[in-house]
N, C-alpha and C. Protein backbone atom coordinates (compact mmCIF):
# COMPACT_ATOMS: atom_id res chain seq x y z
N UNK A 1 -267.70 115.93 -175.95
CA UNK A 1 -266.30 115.66 -175.72
C UNK A 1 -265.97 114.25 -176.16
N UNK A 2 -264.70 114.04 -176.49
CA UNK A 2 -264.19 112.72 -176.84
C UNK A 2 -263.12 112.35 -175.81
N UNK A 3 -263.23 111.15 -175.28
CA UNK A 3 -262.29 110.64 -174.28
C UNK A 3 -261.60 109.40 -174.83
N UNK A 4 -260.31 109.30 -174.63
CA UNK A 4 -259.56 108.09 -174.95
C UNK A 4 -258.82 107.69 -173.68
N UNK A 5 -259.04 106.47 -173.22
CA UNK A 5 -258.36 105.97 -172.03
C UNK A 5 -257.58 104.73 -172.39
N UNK A 6 -256.34 104.69 -171.92
CA UNK A 6 -255.50 103.51 -172.13
C UNK A 6 -254.72 103.23 -170.86
N UNK A 7 -254.31 102.01 -170.72
CA UNK A 7 -253.40 101.62 -169.64
C UNK A 7 -252.03 101.35 -170.24
N UNK A 8 -251.00 101.84 -169.58
CA UNK A 8 -249.63 101.48 -169.91
C UNK A 8 -249.29 100.36 -168.94
N UNK A 9 -248.93 99.20 -169.48
CA UNK A 9 -248.81 98.01 -168.65
C UNK A 9 -247.43 97.39 -168.70
N UNK A 10 -247.10 96.71 -167.62
CA UNK A 10 -245.95 95.81 -167.63
C UNK A 10 -246.48 94.47 -168.13
N UNK A 11 -245.66 93.46 -168.10
CA UNK A 11 -246.12 92.14 -168.51
C UNK A 11 -247.14 91.58 -167.53
N UNK A 12 -247.23 92.20 -166.34
CA UNK A 12 -248.07 91.64 -165.28
C UNK A 12 -249.32 92.47 -165.00
N UNK A 13 -249.17 93.81 -164.92
CA UNK A 13 -250.31 94.62 -164.50
C UNK A 13 -250.19 96.06 -164.99
N UNK A 14 -251.30 96.81 -164.97
CA UNK A 14 -251.27 98.22 -165.39
C UNK A 14 -250.41 99.07 -164.45
N UNK A 15 -249.64 100.00 -165.04
CA UNK A 15 -248.79 100.89 -164.28
C UNK A 15 -249.28 102.33 -164.30
N UNK A 16 -249.85 102.75 -165.43
CA UNK A 16 -250.32 104.12 -165.60
C UNK A 16 -251.64 104.08 -166.35
N UNK A 17 -252.60 104.88 -165.90
CA UNK A 17 -253.84 105.11 -166.64
C UNK A 17 -253.71 106.47 -167.30
N UNK A 18 -253.83 106.53 -168.61
CA UNK A 18 -253.73 107.79 -169.34
C UNK A 18 -255.08 108.09 -170.00
N UNK A 19 -255.51 109.33 -169.86
CA UNK A 19 -256.80 109.77 -170.42
C UNK A 19 -256.54 111.02 -171.25
N UNK A 20 -257.07 111.04 -172.48
CA UNK A 20 -256.99 112.20 -173.35
C UNK A 20 -258.40 112.72 -173.56
N UNK A 21 -258.55 114.05 -173.49
CA UNK A 21 -259.87 114.67 -173.60
C UNK A 21 -259.80 115.81 -174.60
N UNK A 22 -260.75 115.82 -175.55
CA UNK A 22 -260.83 116.91 -176.52
C UNK A 22 -262.29 117.04 -176.97
N UNK A 23 -262.54 118.00 -177.84
CA UNK A 23 -263.90 118.17 -178.36
C UNK A 23 -264.29 116.98 -179.22
N UNK A 24 -265.57 116.62 -179.18
CA UNK A 24 -266.03 115.41 -179.86
C UNK A 24 -265.94 115.46 -181.37
N UNK A 25 -266.24 116.60 -181.94
CA UNK A 25 -266.18 116.74 -183.40
C UNK A 25 -265.05 117.69 -183.75
N UNK A 26 -263.85 117.10 -183.86
CA UNK A 26 -262.67 117.93 -184.12
C UNK A 26 -261.62 117.09 -184.84
N UNK A 27 -260.65 117.78 -185.40
CA UNK A 27 -259.53 117.07 -186.03
C UNK A 27 -258.74 116.29 -184.98
N UNK A 28 -258.69 116.83 -183.77
CA UNK A 28 -257.96 116.16 -182.70
C UNK A 28 -258.65 114.86 -182.30
N UNK A 29 -259.98 114.85 -182.20
CA UNK A 29 -260.68 113.60 -181.87
C UNK A 29 -260.50 112.58 -182.98
N UNK A 30 -260.49 113.03 -184.23
CA UNK A 30 -260.24 112.11 -185.36
C UNK A 30 -258.85 111.50 -185.23
N UNK A 31 -257.86 112.33 -184.88
CA UNK A 31 -256.49 111.86 -184.71
C UNK A 31 -256.42 110.82 -183.60
N UNK A 32 -257.09 111.07 -182.48
CA UNK A 32 -257.07 110.13 -181.37
C UNK A 32 -257.72 108.80 -181.76
N UNK A 33 -258.81 108.86 -182.52
CA UNK A 33 -259.46 107.62 -182.96
C UNK A 33 -258.53 106.79 -183.84
N UNK A 34 -257.72 107.45 -184.65
CA UNK A 34 -256.84 106.76 -185.59
C UNK A 34 -255.59 106.18 -184.92
N UNK A 35 -255.30 106.60 -183.69
CA UNK A 35 -254.10 106.12 -183.01
C UNK A 35 -254.15 104.63 -182.70
N UNK A 36 -255.33 104.11 -182.43
CA UNK A 36 -255.43 102.71 -182.02
C UNK A 36 -254.62 102.48 -180.77
N UNK A 37 -253.68 101.55 -180.81
CA UNK A 37 -252.85 101.26 -179.64
C UNK A 37 -251.50 102.00 -179.69
N UNK A 38 -251.30 102.85 -180.68
CA UNK A 38 -250.06 103.64 -180.77
C UNK A 38 -250.02 104.68 -179.66
N UNK A 39 -248.85 104.96 -179.12
CA UNK A 39 -248.74 105.93 -178.03
C UNK A 39 -248.99 107.36 -178.50
N UNK A 40 -249.78 108.08 -177.73
CA UNK A 40 -250.05 109.49 -178.01
C UNK A 40 -248.78 110.32 -177.92
N UNK A 41 -247.89 109.98 -177.00
CA UNK A 41 -246.65 110.73 -176.81
C UNK A 41 -245.81 110.80 -178.08
N UNK A 42 -245.81 109.75 -178.86
CA UNK A 42 -245.05 109.75 -180.11
C UNK A 42 -245.53 110.88 -181.01
N UNK A 43 -246.82 111.06 -181.08
CA UNK A 43 -247.38 112.13 -181.91
C UNK A 43 -247.09 113.51 -181.31
N UNK A 44 -247.35 113.68 -180.02
CA UNK A 44 -247.20 114.99 -179.39
C UNK A 44 -245.76 115.48 -179.38
N UNK A 45 -244.82 114.58 -179.08
CA UNK A 45 -243.43 114.99 -178.95
C UNK A 45 -242.68 115.05 -180.27
N UNK A 46 -243.22 114.45 -181.33
CA UNK A 46 -242.55 114.46 -182.63
C UNK A 46 -243.19 115.41 -183.63
N UNK A 47 -244.18 116.16 -183.22
CA UNK A 47 -244.86 117.09 -184.11
C UNK A 47 -244.58 118.52 -183.67
N UNK A 48 -244.31 119.38 -184.63
CA UNK A 48 -244.13 120.80 -184.31
C UNK A 48 -245.46 121.51 -184.14
N UNK A 49 -246.57 120.83 -184.43
CA UNK A 49 -247.90 121.43 -184.28
C UNK A 49 -248.33 121.55 -182.83
N UNK A 50 -247.81 120.69 -181.95
CA UNK A 50 -248.29 120.60 -180.57
C UNK A 50 -247.28 121.19 -179.59
N UNK A 51 -247.79 121.99 -178.66
CA UNK A 51 -246.99 122.51 -177.55
C UNK A 51 -247.77 122.33 -176.26
N UNK A 52 -247.06 121.97 -175.19
CA UNK A 52 -247.72 121.89 -173.89
C UNK A 52 -247.77 123.28 -173.27
N UNK A 53 -248.86 123.54 -172.58
CA UNK A 53 -249.07 124.83 -171.93
C UNK A 53 -248.80 124.66 -170.44
N UNK A 54 -248.15 125.62 -169.86
CA UNK A 54 -247.85 125.57 -168.42
C UNK A 54 -249.02 126.11 -167.64
N UNK A 55 -249.16 125.78 -166.41
CA UNK A 55 -248.43 124.76 -165.67
C UNK A 55 -249.16 123.42 -165.75
N UNK A 56 -248.45 122.36 -165.41
CA UNK A 56 -249.11 121.06 -165.24
C UNK A 56 -249.86 121.10 -163.92
N UNK A 57 -250.99 120.44 -163.89
CA UNK A 57 -251.79 120.39 -162.67
C UNK A 57 -251.59 119.04 -161.98
N UNK A 58 -251.45 119.08 -160.69
CA UNK A 58 -251.35 117.86 -159.88
C UNK A 58 -252.76 117.32 -159.67
N UNK A 59 -252.92 116.02 -159.81
CA UNK A 59 -254.21 115.35 -159.61
C UNK A 59 -254.07 114.32 -158.50
N UNK A 60 -255.15 114.09 -157.79
CA UNK A 60 -255.19 113.03 -156.79
C UNK A 60 -256.61 112.50 -156.71
N UNK A 61 -256.76 111.18 -156.75
CA UNK A 61 -258.07 110.57 -156.66
C UNK A 61 -258.46 110.39 -155.19
N UNK A 62 -259.70 110.02 -154.96
CA UNK A 62 -260.16 109.76 -153.60
C UNK A 62 -259.40 108.62 -152.94
N UNK A 63 -258.87 107.72 -153.75
CA UNK A 63 -258.11 106.59 -153.20
C UNK A 63 -256.60 106.88 -153.18
N UNK A 64 -256.24 108.17 -153.21
CA UNK A 64 -254.85 108.63 -153.09
C UNK A 64 -253.94 108.16 -154.23
N UNK A 65 -254.50 107.99 -155.41
CA UNK A 65 -253.69 107.74 -156.60
C UNK A 65 -253.34 109.10 -157.18
N UNK A 66 -252.04 109.33 -157.37
CA UNK A 66 -251.58 110.63 -157.83
C UNK A 66 -251.45 110.65 -159.34
N UNK A 67 -251.56 111.85 -159.88
CA UNK A 67 -251.41 112.01 -161.31
C UNK A 67 -251.10 113.45 -161.67
N UNK A 68 -251.15 113.71 -162.97
CA UNK A 68 -250.94 115.07 -163.46
C UNK A 68 -251.79 115.28 -164.70
N UNK A 69 -252.08 116.54 -164.96
CA UNK A 69 -252.86 116.92 -166.12
C UNK A 69 -252.08 117.97 -166.90
N UNK A 70 -251.97 117.75 -168.21
CA UNK A 70 -251.25 118.68 -169.07
C UNK A 70 -252.17 119.14 -170.19
N UNK A 71 -252.21 120.44 -170.42
CA UNK A 71 -252.98 121.01 -171.52
C UNK A 71 -252.06 121.19 -172.72
N UNK A 72 -252.48 120.67 -173.87
CA UNK A 72 -251.72 120.79 -175.11
C UNK A 72 -252.50 121.65 -176.10
N UNK A 73 -251.81 122.43 -176.90
CA UNK A 73 -252.43 123.28 -177.90
C UNK A 73 -251.84 122.97 -179.27
N UNK A 74 -252.71 122.78 -180.26
CA UNK A 74 -252.27 122.56 -181.63
C UNK A 74 -252.28 123.91 -182.35
N UNK A 75 -251.11 124.37 -182.77
CA UNK A 75 -251.00 125.68 -183.40
C UNK A 75 -251.57 125.72 -184.81
N UNK A 76 -251.60 124.58 -185.47
CA UNK A 76 -252.13 124.53 -186.83
C UNK A 76 -253.66 124.60 -186.84
N UNK A 77 -254.30 123.84 -185.94
CA UNK A 77 -255.77 123.77 -185.92
C UNK A 77 -256.40 124.63 -184.83
N UNK A 78 -255.57 125.14 -183.91
CA UNK A 78 -256.03 125.91 -182.75
C UNK A 78 -256.96 125.09 -181.85
N UNK A 79 -256.73 123.78 -181.81
CA UNK A 79 -257.51 122.89 -180.95
C UNK A 79 -256.72 122.53 -179.71
N UNK A 80 -257.46 122.19 -178.65
CA UNK A 80 -256.85 121.84 -177.37
C UNK A 80 -257.01 120.35 -177.09
N UNK A 81 -256.10 119.86 -176.26
CA UNK A 81 -256.13 118.48 -175.81
C UNK A 81 -255.65 118.46 -174.37
N UNK A 82 -256.41 117.80 -173.50
CA UNK A 82 -255.99 117.62 -172.11
C UNK A 82 -255.56 116.17 -171.95
N UNK A 83 -254.37 115.97 -171.41
CA UNK A 83 -253.85 114.62 -171.16
C UNK A 83 -253.68 114.46 -169.65
N UNK A 84 -254.36 113.47 -169.11
CA UNK A 84 -254.26 113.16 -167.68
C UNK A 84 -253.57 111.81 -167.54
N UNK A 85 -252.62 111.75 -166.60
CA UNK A 85 -251.90 110.51 -166.34
C UNK A 85 -252.02 110.21 -164.85
N UNK A 86 -252.44 108.99 -164.53
CA UNK A 86 -252.57 108.55 -163.14
C UNK A 86 -251.57 107.42 -162.90
N UNK A 87 -250.71 107.60 -161.91
CA UNK A 87 -249.64 106.66 -161.61
C UNK A 87 -250.15 105.63 -160.61
N UNK A 88 -250.38 104.44 -161.09
CA UNK A 88 -251.03 103.39 -160.31
C UNK A 88 -250.06 102.77 -159.30
N UNK A 89 -250.59 102.18 -158.23
CA UNK A 89 -249.74 101.62 -157.17
C UNK A 89 -248.70 100.63 -157.68
N UNK A 90 -248.99 99.89 -158.72
CA UNK A 90 -248.02 98.92 -159.26
C UNK A 90 -246.76 99.63 -159.76
N UNK A 91 -246.89 100.86 -160.25
CA UNK A 91 -245.71 101.60 -160.72
C UNK A 91 -244.80 101.94 -159.55
N UNK A 92 -245.40 102.34 -158.44
CA UNK A 92 -244.62 102.69 -157.26
C UNK A 92 -243.89 101.46 -156.71
N UNK A 93 -244.55 100.31 -156.77
CA UNK A 93 -243.94 99.07 -156.24
C UNK A 93 -242.93 98.46 -157.20
N UNK A 94 -242.93 98.88 -158.47
CA UNK A 94 -242.09 98.23 -159.47
C UNK A 94 -240.64 98.71 -159.39
N UNK A 95 -239.79 98.03 -160.14
CA UNK A 95 -238.38 98.43 -160.20
C UNK A 95 -238.12 99.39 -161.37
N UNK A 96 -239.19 99.87 -162.04
CA UNK A 96 -239.03 100.82 -163.14
C UNK A 96 -238.46 102.15 -162.66
N UNK A 97 -238.69 102.47 -161.38
CA UNK A 97 -238.26 103.76 -160.85
C UNK A 97 -236.87 103.70 -160.22
N UNK A 98 -236.30 102.51 -160.10
CA UNK A 98 -234.96 102.38 -159.52
C UNK A 98 -233.91 102.86 -160.53
N UNK A 99 -232.93 103.66 -160.05
CA UNK A 99 -231.89 104.15 -160.98
C UNK A 99 -230.94 103.05 -161.40
């Protein structure tokens, strides 16, 4: 398997931990390696090759950090990608969620 982990950060601290998981020797793992610091969402949401599969799964760590897991399918390559997002305490305390 190939794992890519990144933090989405404010100017002060990490807000979200995002993890992408796919097969180690695949076109999808090559794509993830080439992303560098570019957001994965830009690729997934702007490509007609990728669709998210329902349902999203709720995640919770032992330290009560909540998250979600989404399975994505590439229709061109028939490869899968799992994206996990963990919402860190700093996000809950921040003003990003205020309307």
